[in-house]
Amino acid sequence: MKYILVILFLGLGFFSNAQEVEREGKKYVVKKNKILLDGNDVTSTFSLEEQAEIKAEFSKLIDEIKLKEKEAKRLKKAEKEQKKAEKDRKRAENKQKKAEKELKQKEKIQSNYEKATKNYEQVQSKYERLKVKGKLSPKDEAKLLEKIKKLNEKVEKVKKKLKIS
């Protein structure tokens, strides 16, 4: 951005002075087809060849200014493209981070589901095993049934989360 501003100001400076052509230590101003020295028309004092040379120098200065302006525009365009590429890169990075975060979340939910299912099955098998052996008191049976009920609710809750995501 700094370079563009510098080039722009230099271009404006040259453009404002572009009408001046220095020759033999004197500054001539070219306006349309007239050559002025200190505001006086001195075109007729020069030969046609000298007039052509002064006008050629003037044209050369104008061409240089146009070239610098084109360069400034090119730099500005390149800077805009660079900013756009940077925005696109950041957008892609954010998308990737979001996808990674969602994947981790799904993996965590899957892990929670597997853990809840495993706990439910363990308590269920423990209950069945103790029931078959007849080692369950009515108090223990109520506790285990309550625990089984809570674990089943937890499994269902995690199952819903798994289906949603």
N, C-alpha and C. Protein backbone atom coordinates (compact mmCIF):
# COMPACT_ATOMS: atom_id res chain seq x y z
N MET A 1 0.83 -1.18 0.00
CA MET A 1 0.00 0.00 0.00
C MET A 1 0.88 1.25 0.00
N LYS A 2 1.96 1.20 0.75
CA LYS A 2 2.86 2.35 0.81
C LYS A 2 3.45 2.67 -0.56
N TYR A 3 3.82 1.61 -1.27
CA TYR A 3 4.44 1.79 -2.59
C TYR A 3 3.45 2.43 -3.56
N ILE A 4 2.23 2.00 -3.47
CA ILE A 4 1.22 2.54 -4.38
C ILE A 4 1.04 4.03 -4.13
N LEU A 5 0.96 4.41 -2.85
CA LEU A 5 0.80 5.82 -2.54
C LEU A 5 2.00 6.65 -3.01
N VAL A 6 3.20 6.11 -2.80
CA VAL A 6 4.41 6.82 -3.24
C VAL A 6 4.39 7.00 -4.75
N ILE A 7 4.09 5.94 -5.47
CA ILE A 7 4.06 6.01 -6.93
C ILE A 7 2.97 6.97 -7.40
N LEU A 8 1.82 6.91 -6.72
CA LEU A 8 0.72 7.79 -7.09
C LEU A 8 1.11 9.26 -6.91
N PHE A 9 1.72 9.59 -5.77
CA PHE A 9 2.12 10.98 -5.54
C PHE A 9 3.23 11.41 -6.50
N LEU A 10 4.17 10.51 -6.78
CA LEU A 10 5.20 10.85 -7.75
C LEU A 10 4.59 11.10 -9.12
N GLY A 11 3.63 10.24 -9.47
CA GLY A 11 2.96 10.40 -10.76
C GLY A 11 2.22 11.72 -10.84
N LEU A 12 1.54 12.08 -9.75
CA LEU A 12 0.84 13.36 -9.74
C LEU A 12 1.83 14.52 -9.82
N GLY A 13 2.95 14.37 -9.13
CA GLY A 13 3.98 15.41 -9.18
C GLY A 13 4.54 15.56 -10.58
N PHE A 14 4.83 14.45 -11.21
CA PHE A 14 5.34 14.51 -12.58
C PHE A 14 4.28 15.05 -13.53
N PHE A 15 3.05 14.65 -13.29
CA PHE A 15 1.99 15.10 -14.18
C PHE A 15 1.80 16.60 -14.09
N SER A 16 1.86 17.13 -12.86
CA SER A 16 1.69 18.57 -12.74
C SER A 16 2.87 19.32 -13.35
N ASN A 17 4.06 18.69 -13.35
CA ASN A 17 5.25 19.31 -13.94
C ASN A 17 5.53 18.77 -15.35
N ALA A 18 4.70 17.93 -15.81
CA ALA A 18 4.96 17.28 -17.09
C ALA A 18 4.91 18.25 -18.25
N GLN A 19 4.26 19.35 -18.05
CA GLN A 19 4.16 20.30 -19.13
C GLN A 19 5.45 21.10 -19.28
N GLU A 20 6.32 20.97 -18.30
CA GLU A 20 7.58 21.70 -18.36
C GLU A 20 8.66 20.84 -19.00
N VAL A 21 9.35 21.43 -19.94
CA VAL A 21 10.47 20.77 -20.61
C VAL A 21 11.68 21.66 -20.41
N GLU A 22 12.76 21.08 -19.88
CA GLU A 22 13.96 21.88 -19.65
C GLU A 22 14.89 21.74 -20.85
N ARG A 23 15.35 22.87 -21.32
CA ARG A 23 16.23 22.87 -22.48
C ARG A 23 17.17 24.06 -22.36
N GLU A 24 18.46 23.77 -22.42
CA GLU A 24 19.49 24.81 -22.35
C GLU A 24 19.34 25.67 -21.09
N GLY A 25 18.98 25.00 -19.98
CA GLY A 25 18.88 25.71 -18.71
C GLY A 25 17.60 26.52 -18.53
N LYS A 26 16.74 26.51 -19.51
CA LYS A 26 15.48 27.25 -19.42
C LYS A 26 14.33 26.24 -19.38
N LYS A 27 13.28 26.58 -18.64
CA LYS A 27 12.12 25.71 -18.54
C LYS A 27 11.02 26.24 -19.44
N TYR A 28 10.69 25.42 -20.40
CA TYR A 28 9.63 25.78 -21.34
C TYR A 28 8.39 25.00 -20.95
N VAL A 29 7.25 25.64 -21.10
CA VAL A 29 5.97 25.00 -20.81
C VAL A 29 5.28 24.75 -22.13
N VAL A 30 4.81 23.50 -22.31
CA VAL A 30 4.13 23.15 -23.56
C VAL A 30 2.63 23.06 -23.26
N LYS A 31 1.86 23.88 -23.97
CA LYS A 31 0.40 23.84 -23.86
C LYS A 31 -0.15 23.76 -25.27
N LYS A 32 -0.87 22.66 -25.50
CA LYS A 32 -1.38 22.37 -26.83
C LYS A 32 -0.22 22.40 -27.83
N ASN A 33 -0.20 23.31 -28.77
CA ASN A 33 0.89 23.39 -29.74
C ASN A 33 1.78 24.60 -29.52
N LYS A 34 1.64 25.25 -28.37
CA LYS A 34 2.41 26.45 -28.08
C LYS A 34 3.51 26.12 -27.08
N ILE A 35 4.64 26.80 -27.25
CA ILE A 35 5.75 26.67 -26.31
C ILE A 35 5.88 28.02 -25.61
N LEU A 36 5.77 27.98 -24.28
CA LEU A 36 5.78 29.21 -23.50
C LEU A 36 7.03 29.28 -22.62
N LEU A 37 7.55 30.47 -22.47
CA LEU A 37 8.65 30.73 -21.56
C LEU A 37 8.21 31.89 -20.68
N ASP A 38 8.07 31.65 -19.39
CA ASP A 38 7.59 32.65 -18.43
C ASP A 38 6.24 33.23 -18.86
N GLY A 39 5.37 32.41 -19.38
CA GLY A 39 4.03 32.84 -19.78
C GLY A 39 3.96 33.49 -21.15
N ASN A 40 5.10 33.71 -21.82
CA ASN A 40 5.11 34.33 -23.15
C ASN A 40 5.28 33.26 -24.22
N ASP A 41 4.56 33.42 -25.33
CA ASP A 41 4.64 32.46 -26.43
C ASP A 41 5.95 32.68 -27.18
N VAL A 42 6.78 31.61 -27.15
CA VAL A 42 8.07 31.70 -27.84
C VAL A 42 8.16 30.65 -28.94
N THR A 43 7.06 30.14 -29.37
CA THR A 43 7.03 29.10 -30.38
C THR A 43 7.70 29.57 -31.67
N SER A 44 7.43 30.76 -32.06
CA SER A 44 7.94 31.27 -33.33
C SER A 44 9.46 31.50 -33.32
N THR A 45 10.06 31.57 -32.14
CA THR A 45 11.50 31.80 -32.07
C THR A 45 12.29 30.53 -32.33
N PHE A 46 11.63 29.39 -32.28
CA PHE A 46 12.31 28.11 -32.53
C PHE A 46 12.06 27.67 -33.97
N SER A 47 13.03 26.94 -34.48
CA SER A 47 12.83 26.37 -35.82
C SER A 47 11.87 25.20 -35.67
N LEU A 48 11.40 24.71 -36.79
CA LEU A 48 10.47 23.58 -36.77
C LEU A 48 11.11 22.35 -36.13
N GLU A 49 12.40 22.17 -36.37
CA GLU A 49 13.10 21.02 -35.81
C GLU A 49 13.19 21.13 -34.29
N GLU A 50 13.52 22.33 -33.80
CA GLU A 50 13.60 22.53 -32.35
C GLU A 50 12.24 22.38 -31.70
N GLN A 51 11.21 22.89 -32.37
CA GLN A 51 9.85 22.72 -31.85
C GLN A 51 9.51 21.23 -31.76
N ALA A 52 9.88 20.49 -32.79
CA ALA A 52 9.60 19.05 -32.81
C ALA A 52 10.35 18.35 -31.69
N GLU A 53 11.60 18.77 -31.44
CA GLU A 53 12.39 18.17 -30.36
C GLU A 53 11.77 18.45 -29.00
N ILE A 54 11.35 19.68 -28.77
CA ILE A 54 10.73 20.05 -27.49
C ILE A 54 9.43 19.26 -27.30
N LYS A 55 8.65 19.20 -28.36
CA LYS A 55 7.39 18.45 -28.28
C LYS A 55 7.65 16.95 -28.09
N ALA A 56 8.73 16.44 -28.67
CA ALA A 56 9.09 15.03 -28.49
C ALA A 56 9.48 14.77 -27.03
N GLU A 57 10.25 15.69 -26.44
CA GLU A 57 10.62 15.57 -25.03
C GLU A 57 9.36 15.59 -24.17
N PHE A 58 8.44 16.48 -24.51
CA PHE A 58 7.18 16.58 -23.79
C PHE A 58 6.40 15.25 -23.90
N SER A 59 6.35 14.72 -25.11
CA SER A 59 5.66 13.44 -25.33
C SER A 59 6.32 12.32 -24.52
N LYS A 60 7.65 12.37 -24.48
CA LYS A 60 8.39 11.35 -23.72
C LYS A 60 8.03 11.42 -22.24
N LEU A 61 7.96 12.64 -21.71
CA LEU A 61 7.58 12.81 -20.30
C LEU A 61 6.16 12.30 -20.04
N ILE A 62 5.27 12.61 -20.95
CA ILE A 62 3.88 12.15 -20.82
C ILE A 62 3.83 10.62 -20.84
N ASP A 63 4.59 10.01 -21.75
CA ASP A 63 4.62 8.54 -21.84
C ASP A 63 5.15 7.92 -20.54
N GLU A 64 6.19 8.55 -19.98
CA GLU A 64 6.74 8.04 -18.72
C GLU A 64 5.70 8.10 -17.61
N ILE A 65 4.96 9.18 -17.58
CA ILE A 65 3.92 9.33 -16.55
C ILE A 65 2.86 8.25 -16.74
N LYS A 66 2.44 8.04 -17.97
CA LYS A 66 1.43 7.01 -18.24
C LYS A 66 1.93 5.63 -17.85
N LEU A 67 3.19 5.38 -18.14
CA LEU A 67 3.80 4.10 -17.76
C LEU A 67 3.77 3.91 -16.24
N LYS A 68 4.14 4.95 -15.51
CA LYS A 68 4.14 4.88 -14.05
C LYS A 68 2.72 4.68 -13.52
N GLU A 69 1.76 5.33 -14.14
CA GLU A 69 0.37 5.15 -13.71
C GLU A 69 -0.09 3.72 -13.95
N LYS A 70 0.28 3.17 -15.10
CA LYS A 70 -0.06 1.77 -15.39
C LYS A 70 0.57 0.83 -14.37
N GLU A 71 1.80 1.11 -14.03
CA GLU A 71 2.51 0.30 -13.03
C GLU A 71 1.81 0.39 -11.68
N ALA A 72 1.39 1.59 -11.31
CA ALA A 72 0.69 1.78 -10.05
C ALA A 72 -0.63 1.00 -10.05
N LYS A 73 -1.34 1.06 -11.17
CA LYS A 73 -2.60 0.30 -11.28
C LYS A 73 -2.33 -1.19 -11.18
N ARG A 74 -1.26 -1.65 -11.83
CA ARG A 74 -0.93 -3.08 -11.80
C ARG A 74 -0.59 -3.51 -10.37
N LEU A 75 0.18 -2.68 -9.66
CA LEU A 75 0.52 -2.99 -8.28
C LEU A 75 -0.72 -3.04 -7.38
N LYS A 76 -1.61 -2.07 -7.62
CA LYS A 76 -2.84 -2.03 -6.83
C LYS A 76 -3.68 -3.28 -7.09
N LYS A 77 -3.78 -3.68 -8.35
CA LYS A 77 -4.54 -4.87 -8.70
C LYS A 77 -3.91 -6.11 -8.08
N ALA A 78 -2.59 -6.19 -8.13
CA ALA A 78 -1.89 -7.34 -7.54
C ALA A 78 -2.12 -7.39 -6.03
N GLU A 79 -2.12 -6.23 -5.41
CA GLU A 79 -2.36 -6.18 -3.96
C GLU A 79 -3.78 -6.64 -3.63
N LYS A 80 -4.75 -6.22 -4.44
CA LYS A 80 -6.13 -6.66 -4.22
C LYS A 80 -6.25 -8.17 -4.38
N GLU A 81 -5.60 -8.71 -5.40
CA GLU A 81 -5.64 -10.15 -5.61
C GLU A 81 -4.99 -10.89 -4.46
N GLN A 82 -3.91 -10.32 -3.94
CA GLN A 82 -3.23 -10.95 -2.80
C GLN A 82 -4.13 -10.95 -1.57
N LYS A 83 -4.81 -9.84 -1.33
CA LYS A 83 -5.74 -9.78 -0.19
C LYS A 83 -6.87 -10.78 -0.37
N LYS A 84 -7.37 -10.90 -1.59
CA LYS A 84 -8.46 -11.84 -1.84
C LYS A 84 -7.98 -13.27 -1.61
N ALA A 85 -6.78 -13.58 -2.07
CA ALA A 85 -6.23 -14.92 -1.86
C ALA A 85 -6.05 -15.20 -0.37
N GLU A 86 -5.62 -14.19 0.36
CA GLU A 86 -5.45 -14.35 1.82
C GLU A 86 -6.79 -14.61 2.50
N LYS A 87 -7.81 -13.88 2.08
CA LYS A 87 -9.15 -14.10 2.64
C LYS A 87 -9.64 -15.51 2.32
N ASP A 88 -9.43 -15.94 1.08
CA ASP A 88 -9.84 -17.29 0.68
C ASP A 88 -9.11 -18.35 1.50
N ARG A 89 -7.82 -18.11 1.73
CA ARG A 89 -7.03 -19.07 2.51
C ARG A 89 -7.55 -19.15 3.95
N LYS A 90 -7.83 -18.00 4.53
CA LYS A 90 -8.35 -17.97 5.89
C LYS A 90 -9.72 -18.64 5.97
N ARG A 91 -10.54 -18.40 4.96
CA ARG A 91 -11.87 -19.00 4.92
C ARG A 91 -11.75 -20.53 4.85
N ALA A 92 -10.81 -20.99 4.03
CA ALA A 92 -10.60 -22.44 3.90
C ALA A 92 -10.07 -23.02 5.21
N GLU A 93 -9.17 -22.30 5.86
CA GLU A 93 -8.65 -22.76 7.16
C GLU A 93 -9.77 -22.87 8.18
N ASN A 94 -10.62 -21.85 8.21
CA ASN A 94 -11.74 -21.88 9.16
C ASN A 94 -12.68 -23.03 8.87
N LYS A 95 -12.94 -23.29 7.61
CA LYS A 95 -13.80 -24.42 7.23
C LYS A 95 -13.19 -25.74 7.70
N GLN A 96 -11.89 -25.87 7.49
CA GLN A 96 -11.20 -27.09 7.88
C GLN A 96 -11.25 -27.26 9.40
N LYS A 97 -11.00 -26.18 10.14
CA LYS A 97 -11.06 -26.26 11.60
C LYS A 97 -12.44 -26.66 12.07
N LYS A 98 -13.46 -26.10 11.44
CA LYS A 98 -14.83 -26.41 11.80
C LYS A 98 -15.13 -27.88 11.54
N ALA A 99 -14.67 -28.38 10.39
CA ALA A 99 -14.89 -29.79 10.05
C ALA A 99 -14.16 -30.69 11.05
N GLU A 100 -12.93 -30.31 11.42
CA GLU A 100 -12.19 -31.11 12.39
C GLU A 100 -12.89 -31.11 13.74
N LYS A 101 -13.42 -29.98 14.13
CA LYS A 101 -14.13 -29.87 15.40
C LYS A 101 -15.38 -30.75 15.40
N GLU A 102 -16.13 -30.71 14.31
CA GLU A 102 -17.33 -31.55 14.19
C GLU A 102 -16.96 -33.02 14.23
N LEU A 103 -15.86 -33.39 13.58
CA LEU A 103 -15.42 -34.78 13.58
C LEU A 103 -15.06 -35.23 15.00
N LYS A 104 -14.33 -34.38 15.73
CA LYS A 104 -13.99 -34.71 17.11
C LYS A 104 -15.24 -34.87 17.96
N GLN A 105 -16.20 -33.99 17.74
CA GLN A 105 -17.45 -34.05 18.50
C GLN A 105 -18.19 -35.35 18.20
N LYS A 106 -18.24 -35.73 16.94
CA LYS A 106 -18.91 -36.99 16.57
C LYS A 106 -18.18 -38.18 17.18
N GLU A 107 -16.85 -38.14 17.16
CA GLU A 107 -16.09 -39.23 17.75
C GLU A 107 -16.34 -39.32 19.25
N LYS A 108 -16.45 -38.17 19.91
CA LYS A 108 -16.71 -38.14 21.35
C LYS A 108 -18.10 -38.71 21.64
N ILE A 109 -19.08 -38.32 20.86
CA ILE A 109 -20.44 -38.84 21.04
C ILE A 109 -20.45 -40.35 20.83
N GLN A 110 -19.74 -40.81 19.79
CA GLN A 110 -19.66 -42.25 19.52
C GLN A 110 -19.02 -42.98 20.70
N SER A 111 -17.95 -42.39 21.22
CA SER A 111 -17.26 -42.98 22.36
C SER A 111 -18.18 -43.04 23.58
N ASN A 112 -18.92 -41.95 23.83
CA ASN A 112 -19.87 -41.92 24.94
C ASN A 112 -20.96 -42.98 24.77
N TYR A 113 -21.43 -43.15 23.54
CA TYR A 113 -22.45 -44.16 23.27
C TYR A 113 -21.92 -45.56 23.57
N GLU A 114 -20.73 -45.84 23.08
CA GLU A 114 -20.14 -47.16 23.32
C GLU A 114 -19.92 -47.41 24.81
N LYS A 115 -19.47 -46.40 25.51
CA LYS A 115 -19.23 -46.51 26.95
C LYS A 115 -20.54 -46.75 27.70
N ALA A 116 -21.57 -45.98 27.37
CA ALA A 116 -22.87 -46.12 28.02
C ALA A 116 -23.47 -47.50 27.74
N THR A 117 -23.34 -47.94 26.49
CA THR A 117 -23.86 -49.27 26.12
C THR A 117 -23.13 -50.36 26.89
N LYS A 118 -21.83 -50.23 26.99
CA LYS A 118 -21.03 -51.23 27.71
C LYS A 118 -21.42 -51.28 29.18
N ASN A 119 -21.58 -50.12 29.82
CA ASN A 119 -21.99 -50.06 31.22
C ASN A 119 -23.37 -50.68 31.41
N TYR A 120 -24.29 -50.35 30.51
CA TYR A 120 -25.66 -50.91 30.57
C TYR A 120 -25.63 -52.42 30.48
N GLU A 121 -24.87 -52.94 29.52
CA GLU A 121 -24.80 -54.40 29.33
C GLU A 121 -24.14 -55.08 30.53
N GLN A 122 -23.13 -54.46 31.12
CA GLN A 122 -22.46 -55.04 32.30
C GLN A 122 -23.42 -55.13 33.49
N VAL A 123 -24.13 -54.04 33.75
CA VAL A 123 -25.06 -54.04 34.88
C VAL A 123 -26.21 -55.02 34.61
N GLN A 124 -26.67 -55.08 33.36
CA GLN A 124 -27.74 -56.00 32.98
C GLN A 124 -27.29 -57.44 33.19
N SER A 125 -26.07 -57.78 32.76
CA SER A 125 -25.58 -59.16 32.92
C SER A 125 -25.35 -59.48 34.40
N LYS A 126 -24.87 -58.49 35.17
CA LYS A 126 -24.67 -58.70 36.61
C LYS A 126 -26.01 -59.00 37.28
N TYR A 127 -27.02 -58.25 36.92
CA TYR A 127 -28.37 -58.47 37.47
C TYR A 127 -28.87 -59.87 37.12
N GLU A 128 -28.75 -60.24 35.87
CA GLU A 128 -29.20 -61.57 35.43
C GLU A 128 -28.43 -62.67 36.16
N ARG A 129 -27.12 -62.50 36.28
CA ARG A 129 -26.28 -63.50 36.93
C ARG A 129 -26.66 -63.67 38.41
N LEU A 130 -26.84 -62.55 39.09
CA LEU A 130 -27.21 -62.63 40.51
C LEU A 130 -28.63 -63.14 40.69
N LYS A 131 -29.50 -62.83 39.75
CA LYS A 131 -30.89 -63.29 39.84
C LYS A 131 -30.95 -64.79 39.67
N VAL A 132 -30.16 -65.33 38.73
CA VAL A 132 -30.13 -66.78 38.48
C VAL A 132 -29.57 -67.51 39.71
N LYS A 133 -28.55 -66.94 40.32
CA LYS A 133 -27.95 -67.58 41.49
C LYS A 133 -28.82 -67.41 42.73
N GLY A 134 -29.76 -66.49 42.69
CA GLY A 134 -30.64 -66.25 43.83
C GLY A 134 -29.98 -65.46 44.93
N LYS A 135 -29.01 -64.68 44.62
CA LYS A 135 -28.27 -63.90 45.61
C LYS A 135 -28.73 -62.44 45.67
N LEU A 136 -29.91 -62.17 45.16
CA LEU A 136 -30.42 -60.80 45.18
C LEU A 136 -31.46 -60.64 46.28
N SER A 137 -31.20 -59.69 47.15
CA SER A 137 -32.23 -59.35 48.13
C SER A 137 -33.19 -58.38 47.46
N PRO A 138 -34.38 -58.22 47.95
CA PRO A 138 -35.32 -57.29 47.34
C PRO A 138 -34.77 -55.86 47.27
N LYS A 139 -33.98 -55.48 48.28
CA LYS A 139 -33.39 -54.14 48.30
C LYS A 139 -32.33 -54.00 47.19
N ASP A 140 -31.45 -55.01 47.05
CA ASP A 140 -30.42 -54.99 46.01
C ASP A 140 -31.05 -55.04 44.61
N GLU A 141 -32.14 -55.83 44.50
CA GLU A 141 -32.81 -55.95 43.20
C GLU A 141 -33.39 -54.59 42.78
N ALA A 142 -33.98 -53.86 43.73
CA ALA A 142 -34.55 -52.55 43.43
C ALA A 142 -33.45 -51.58 43.00
N LYS A 143 -32.30 -51.62 43.71
CA LYS A 143 -31.18 -50.76 43.36
C LYS A 143 -30.67 -51.05 41.96
N LEU A 144 -30.50 -52.37 41.67
CA LEU A 144 -29.99 -52.73 40.34
C LEU A 144 -30.97 -52.37 39.23
N LEU A 145 -32.26 -52.58 39.49
CA LEU A 145 -33.27 -52.23 38.47
C LEU A 145 -33.29 -50.71 38.24
N GLU A 146 -33.14 -49.95 39.32
CA GLU A 146 -33.09 -48.49 39.18
C GLU A 146 -31.85 -48.09 38.37
N LYS A 147 -30.71 -48.73 38.68
CA LYS A 147 -29.46 -48.45 37.96
C LYS A 147 -29.60 -48.81 36.48
N ILE A 148 -30.21 -49.95 36.21
CA ILE A 148 -30.44 -50.38 34.82
C ILE A 148 -31.32 -49.36 34.10
N LYS A 149 -32.34 -48.90 34.78
CA LYS A 149 -33.27 -47.93 34.18
C LYS A 149 -32.52 -46.63 33.82
N LYS A 150 -31.70 -46.12 34.75
CA LYS A 150 -30.94 -44.89 34.51
C LYS A 150 -29.95 -45.07 33.36
N LEU A 151 -29.25 -46.24 33.36
CA LEU A 151 -28.29 -46.48 32.28
C LEU A 151 -28.99 -46.60 30.93
N ASN A 152 -30.18 -47.20 30.93
CA ASN A 152 -30.95 -47.33 29.68
C ASN A 152 -31.34 -45.94 29.17
N GLU A 153 -31.76 -45.05 30.09
CA GLU A 153 -32.11 -43.68 29.70
C GLU A 153 -30.89 -42.95 29.13
N LYS A 154 -29.75 -43.17 29.78
CA LYS A 154 -28.52 -42.54 29.30
C LYS A 154 -28.16 -43.03 27.90
N VAL A 155 -28.30 -44.36 27.69
CA VAL A 155 -28.01 -44.92 26.36
C VAL A 155 -28.95 -44.31 25.32
N GLU A 156 -30.21 -44.17 25.64
CA GLU A 156 -31.18 -43.59 24.70
C GLU A 156 -30.85 -42.12 24.40
N LYS A 157 -30.45 -41.40 25.44
CA LYS A 157 -30.11 -39.99 25.28
C LYS A 157 -28.90 -39.83 24.35
N VAL A 158 -27.87 -40.64 24.59
CA VAL A 158 -26.66 -40.57 23.77
C VAL A 158 -26.97 -41.06 22.35
N LYS A 159 -27.87 -42.01 22.23
CA LYS A 159 -28.27 -42.53 20.91
C LYS A 159 -28.92 -41.42 20.08
N LYS A 160 -29.77 -40.60 20.74
CA LYS A 160 -30.40 -39.48 20.04
C LYS A 160 -29.36 -38.49 19.55
N LYS A 161 -28.38 -38.17 20.44
CA LYS A 161 -27.32 -37.26 20.04
C LYS A 161 -26.53 -37.81 18.85
N LEU A 162 -26.32 -39.11 18.86
CA LEU A 162 -25.57 -39.75 17.79
C LEU A 162 -26.32 -39.65 16.47
N LYS A 163 -27.63 -39.81 16.52
CA LYS A 163 -28.45 -39.72 15.30
C LYS A 163 -28.53 -38.29 14.80
N ILE A 164 -28.57 -37.34 15.70
CA ILE A 164 -28.68 -35.92 15.32
C ILE A 164 -27.42 -35.45 14.59
N SER A 165 -26.28 -35.84 15.13
CA SER A 165 -25.03 -35.35 14.52
C SER A 165 -24.55 -36.20 13.42
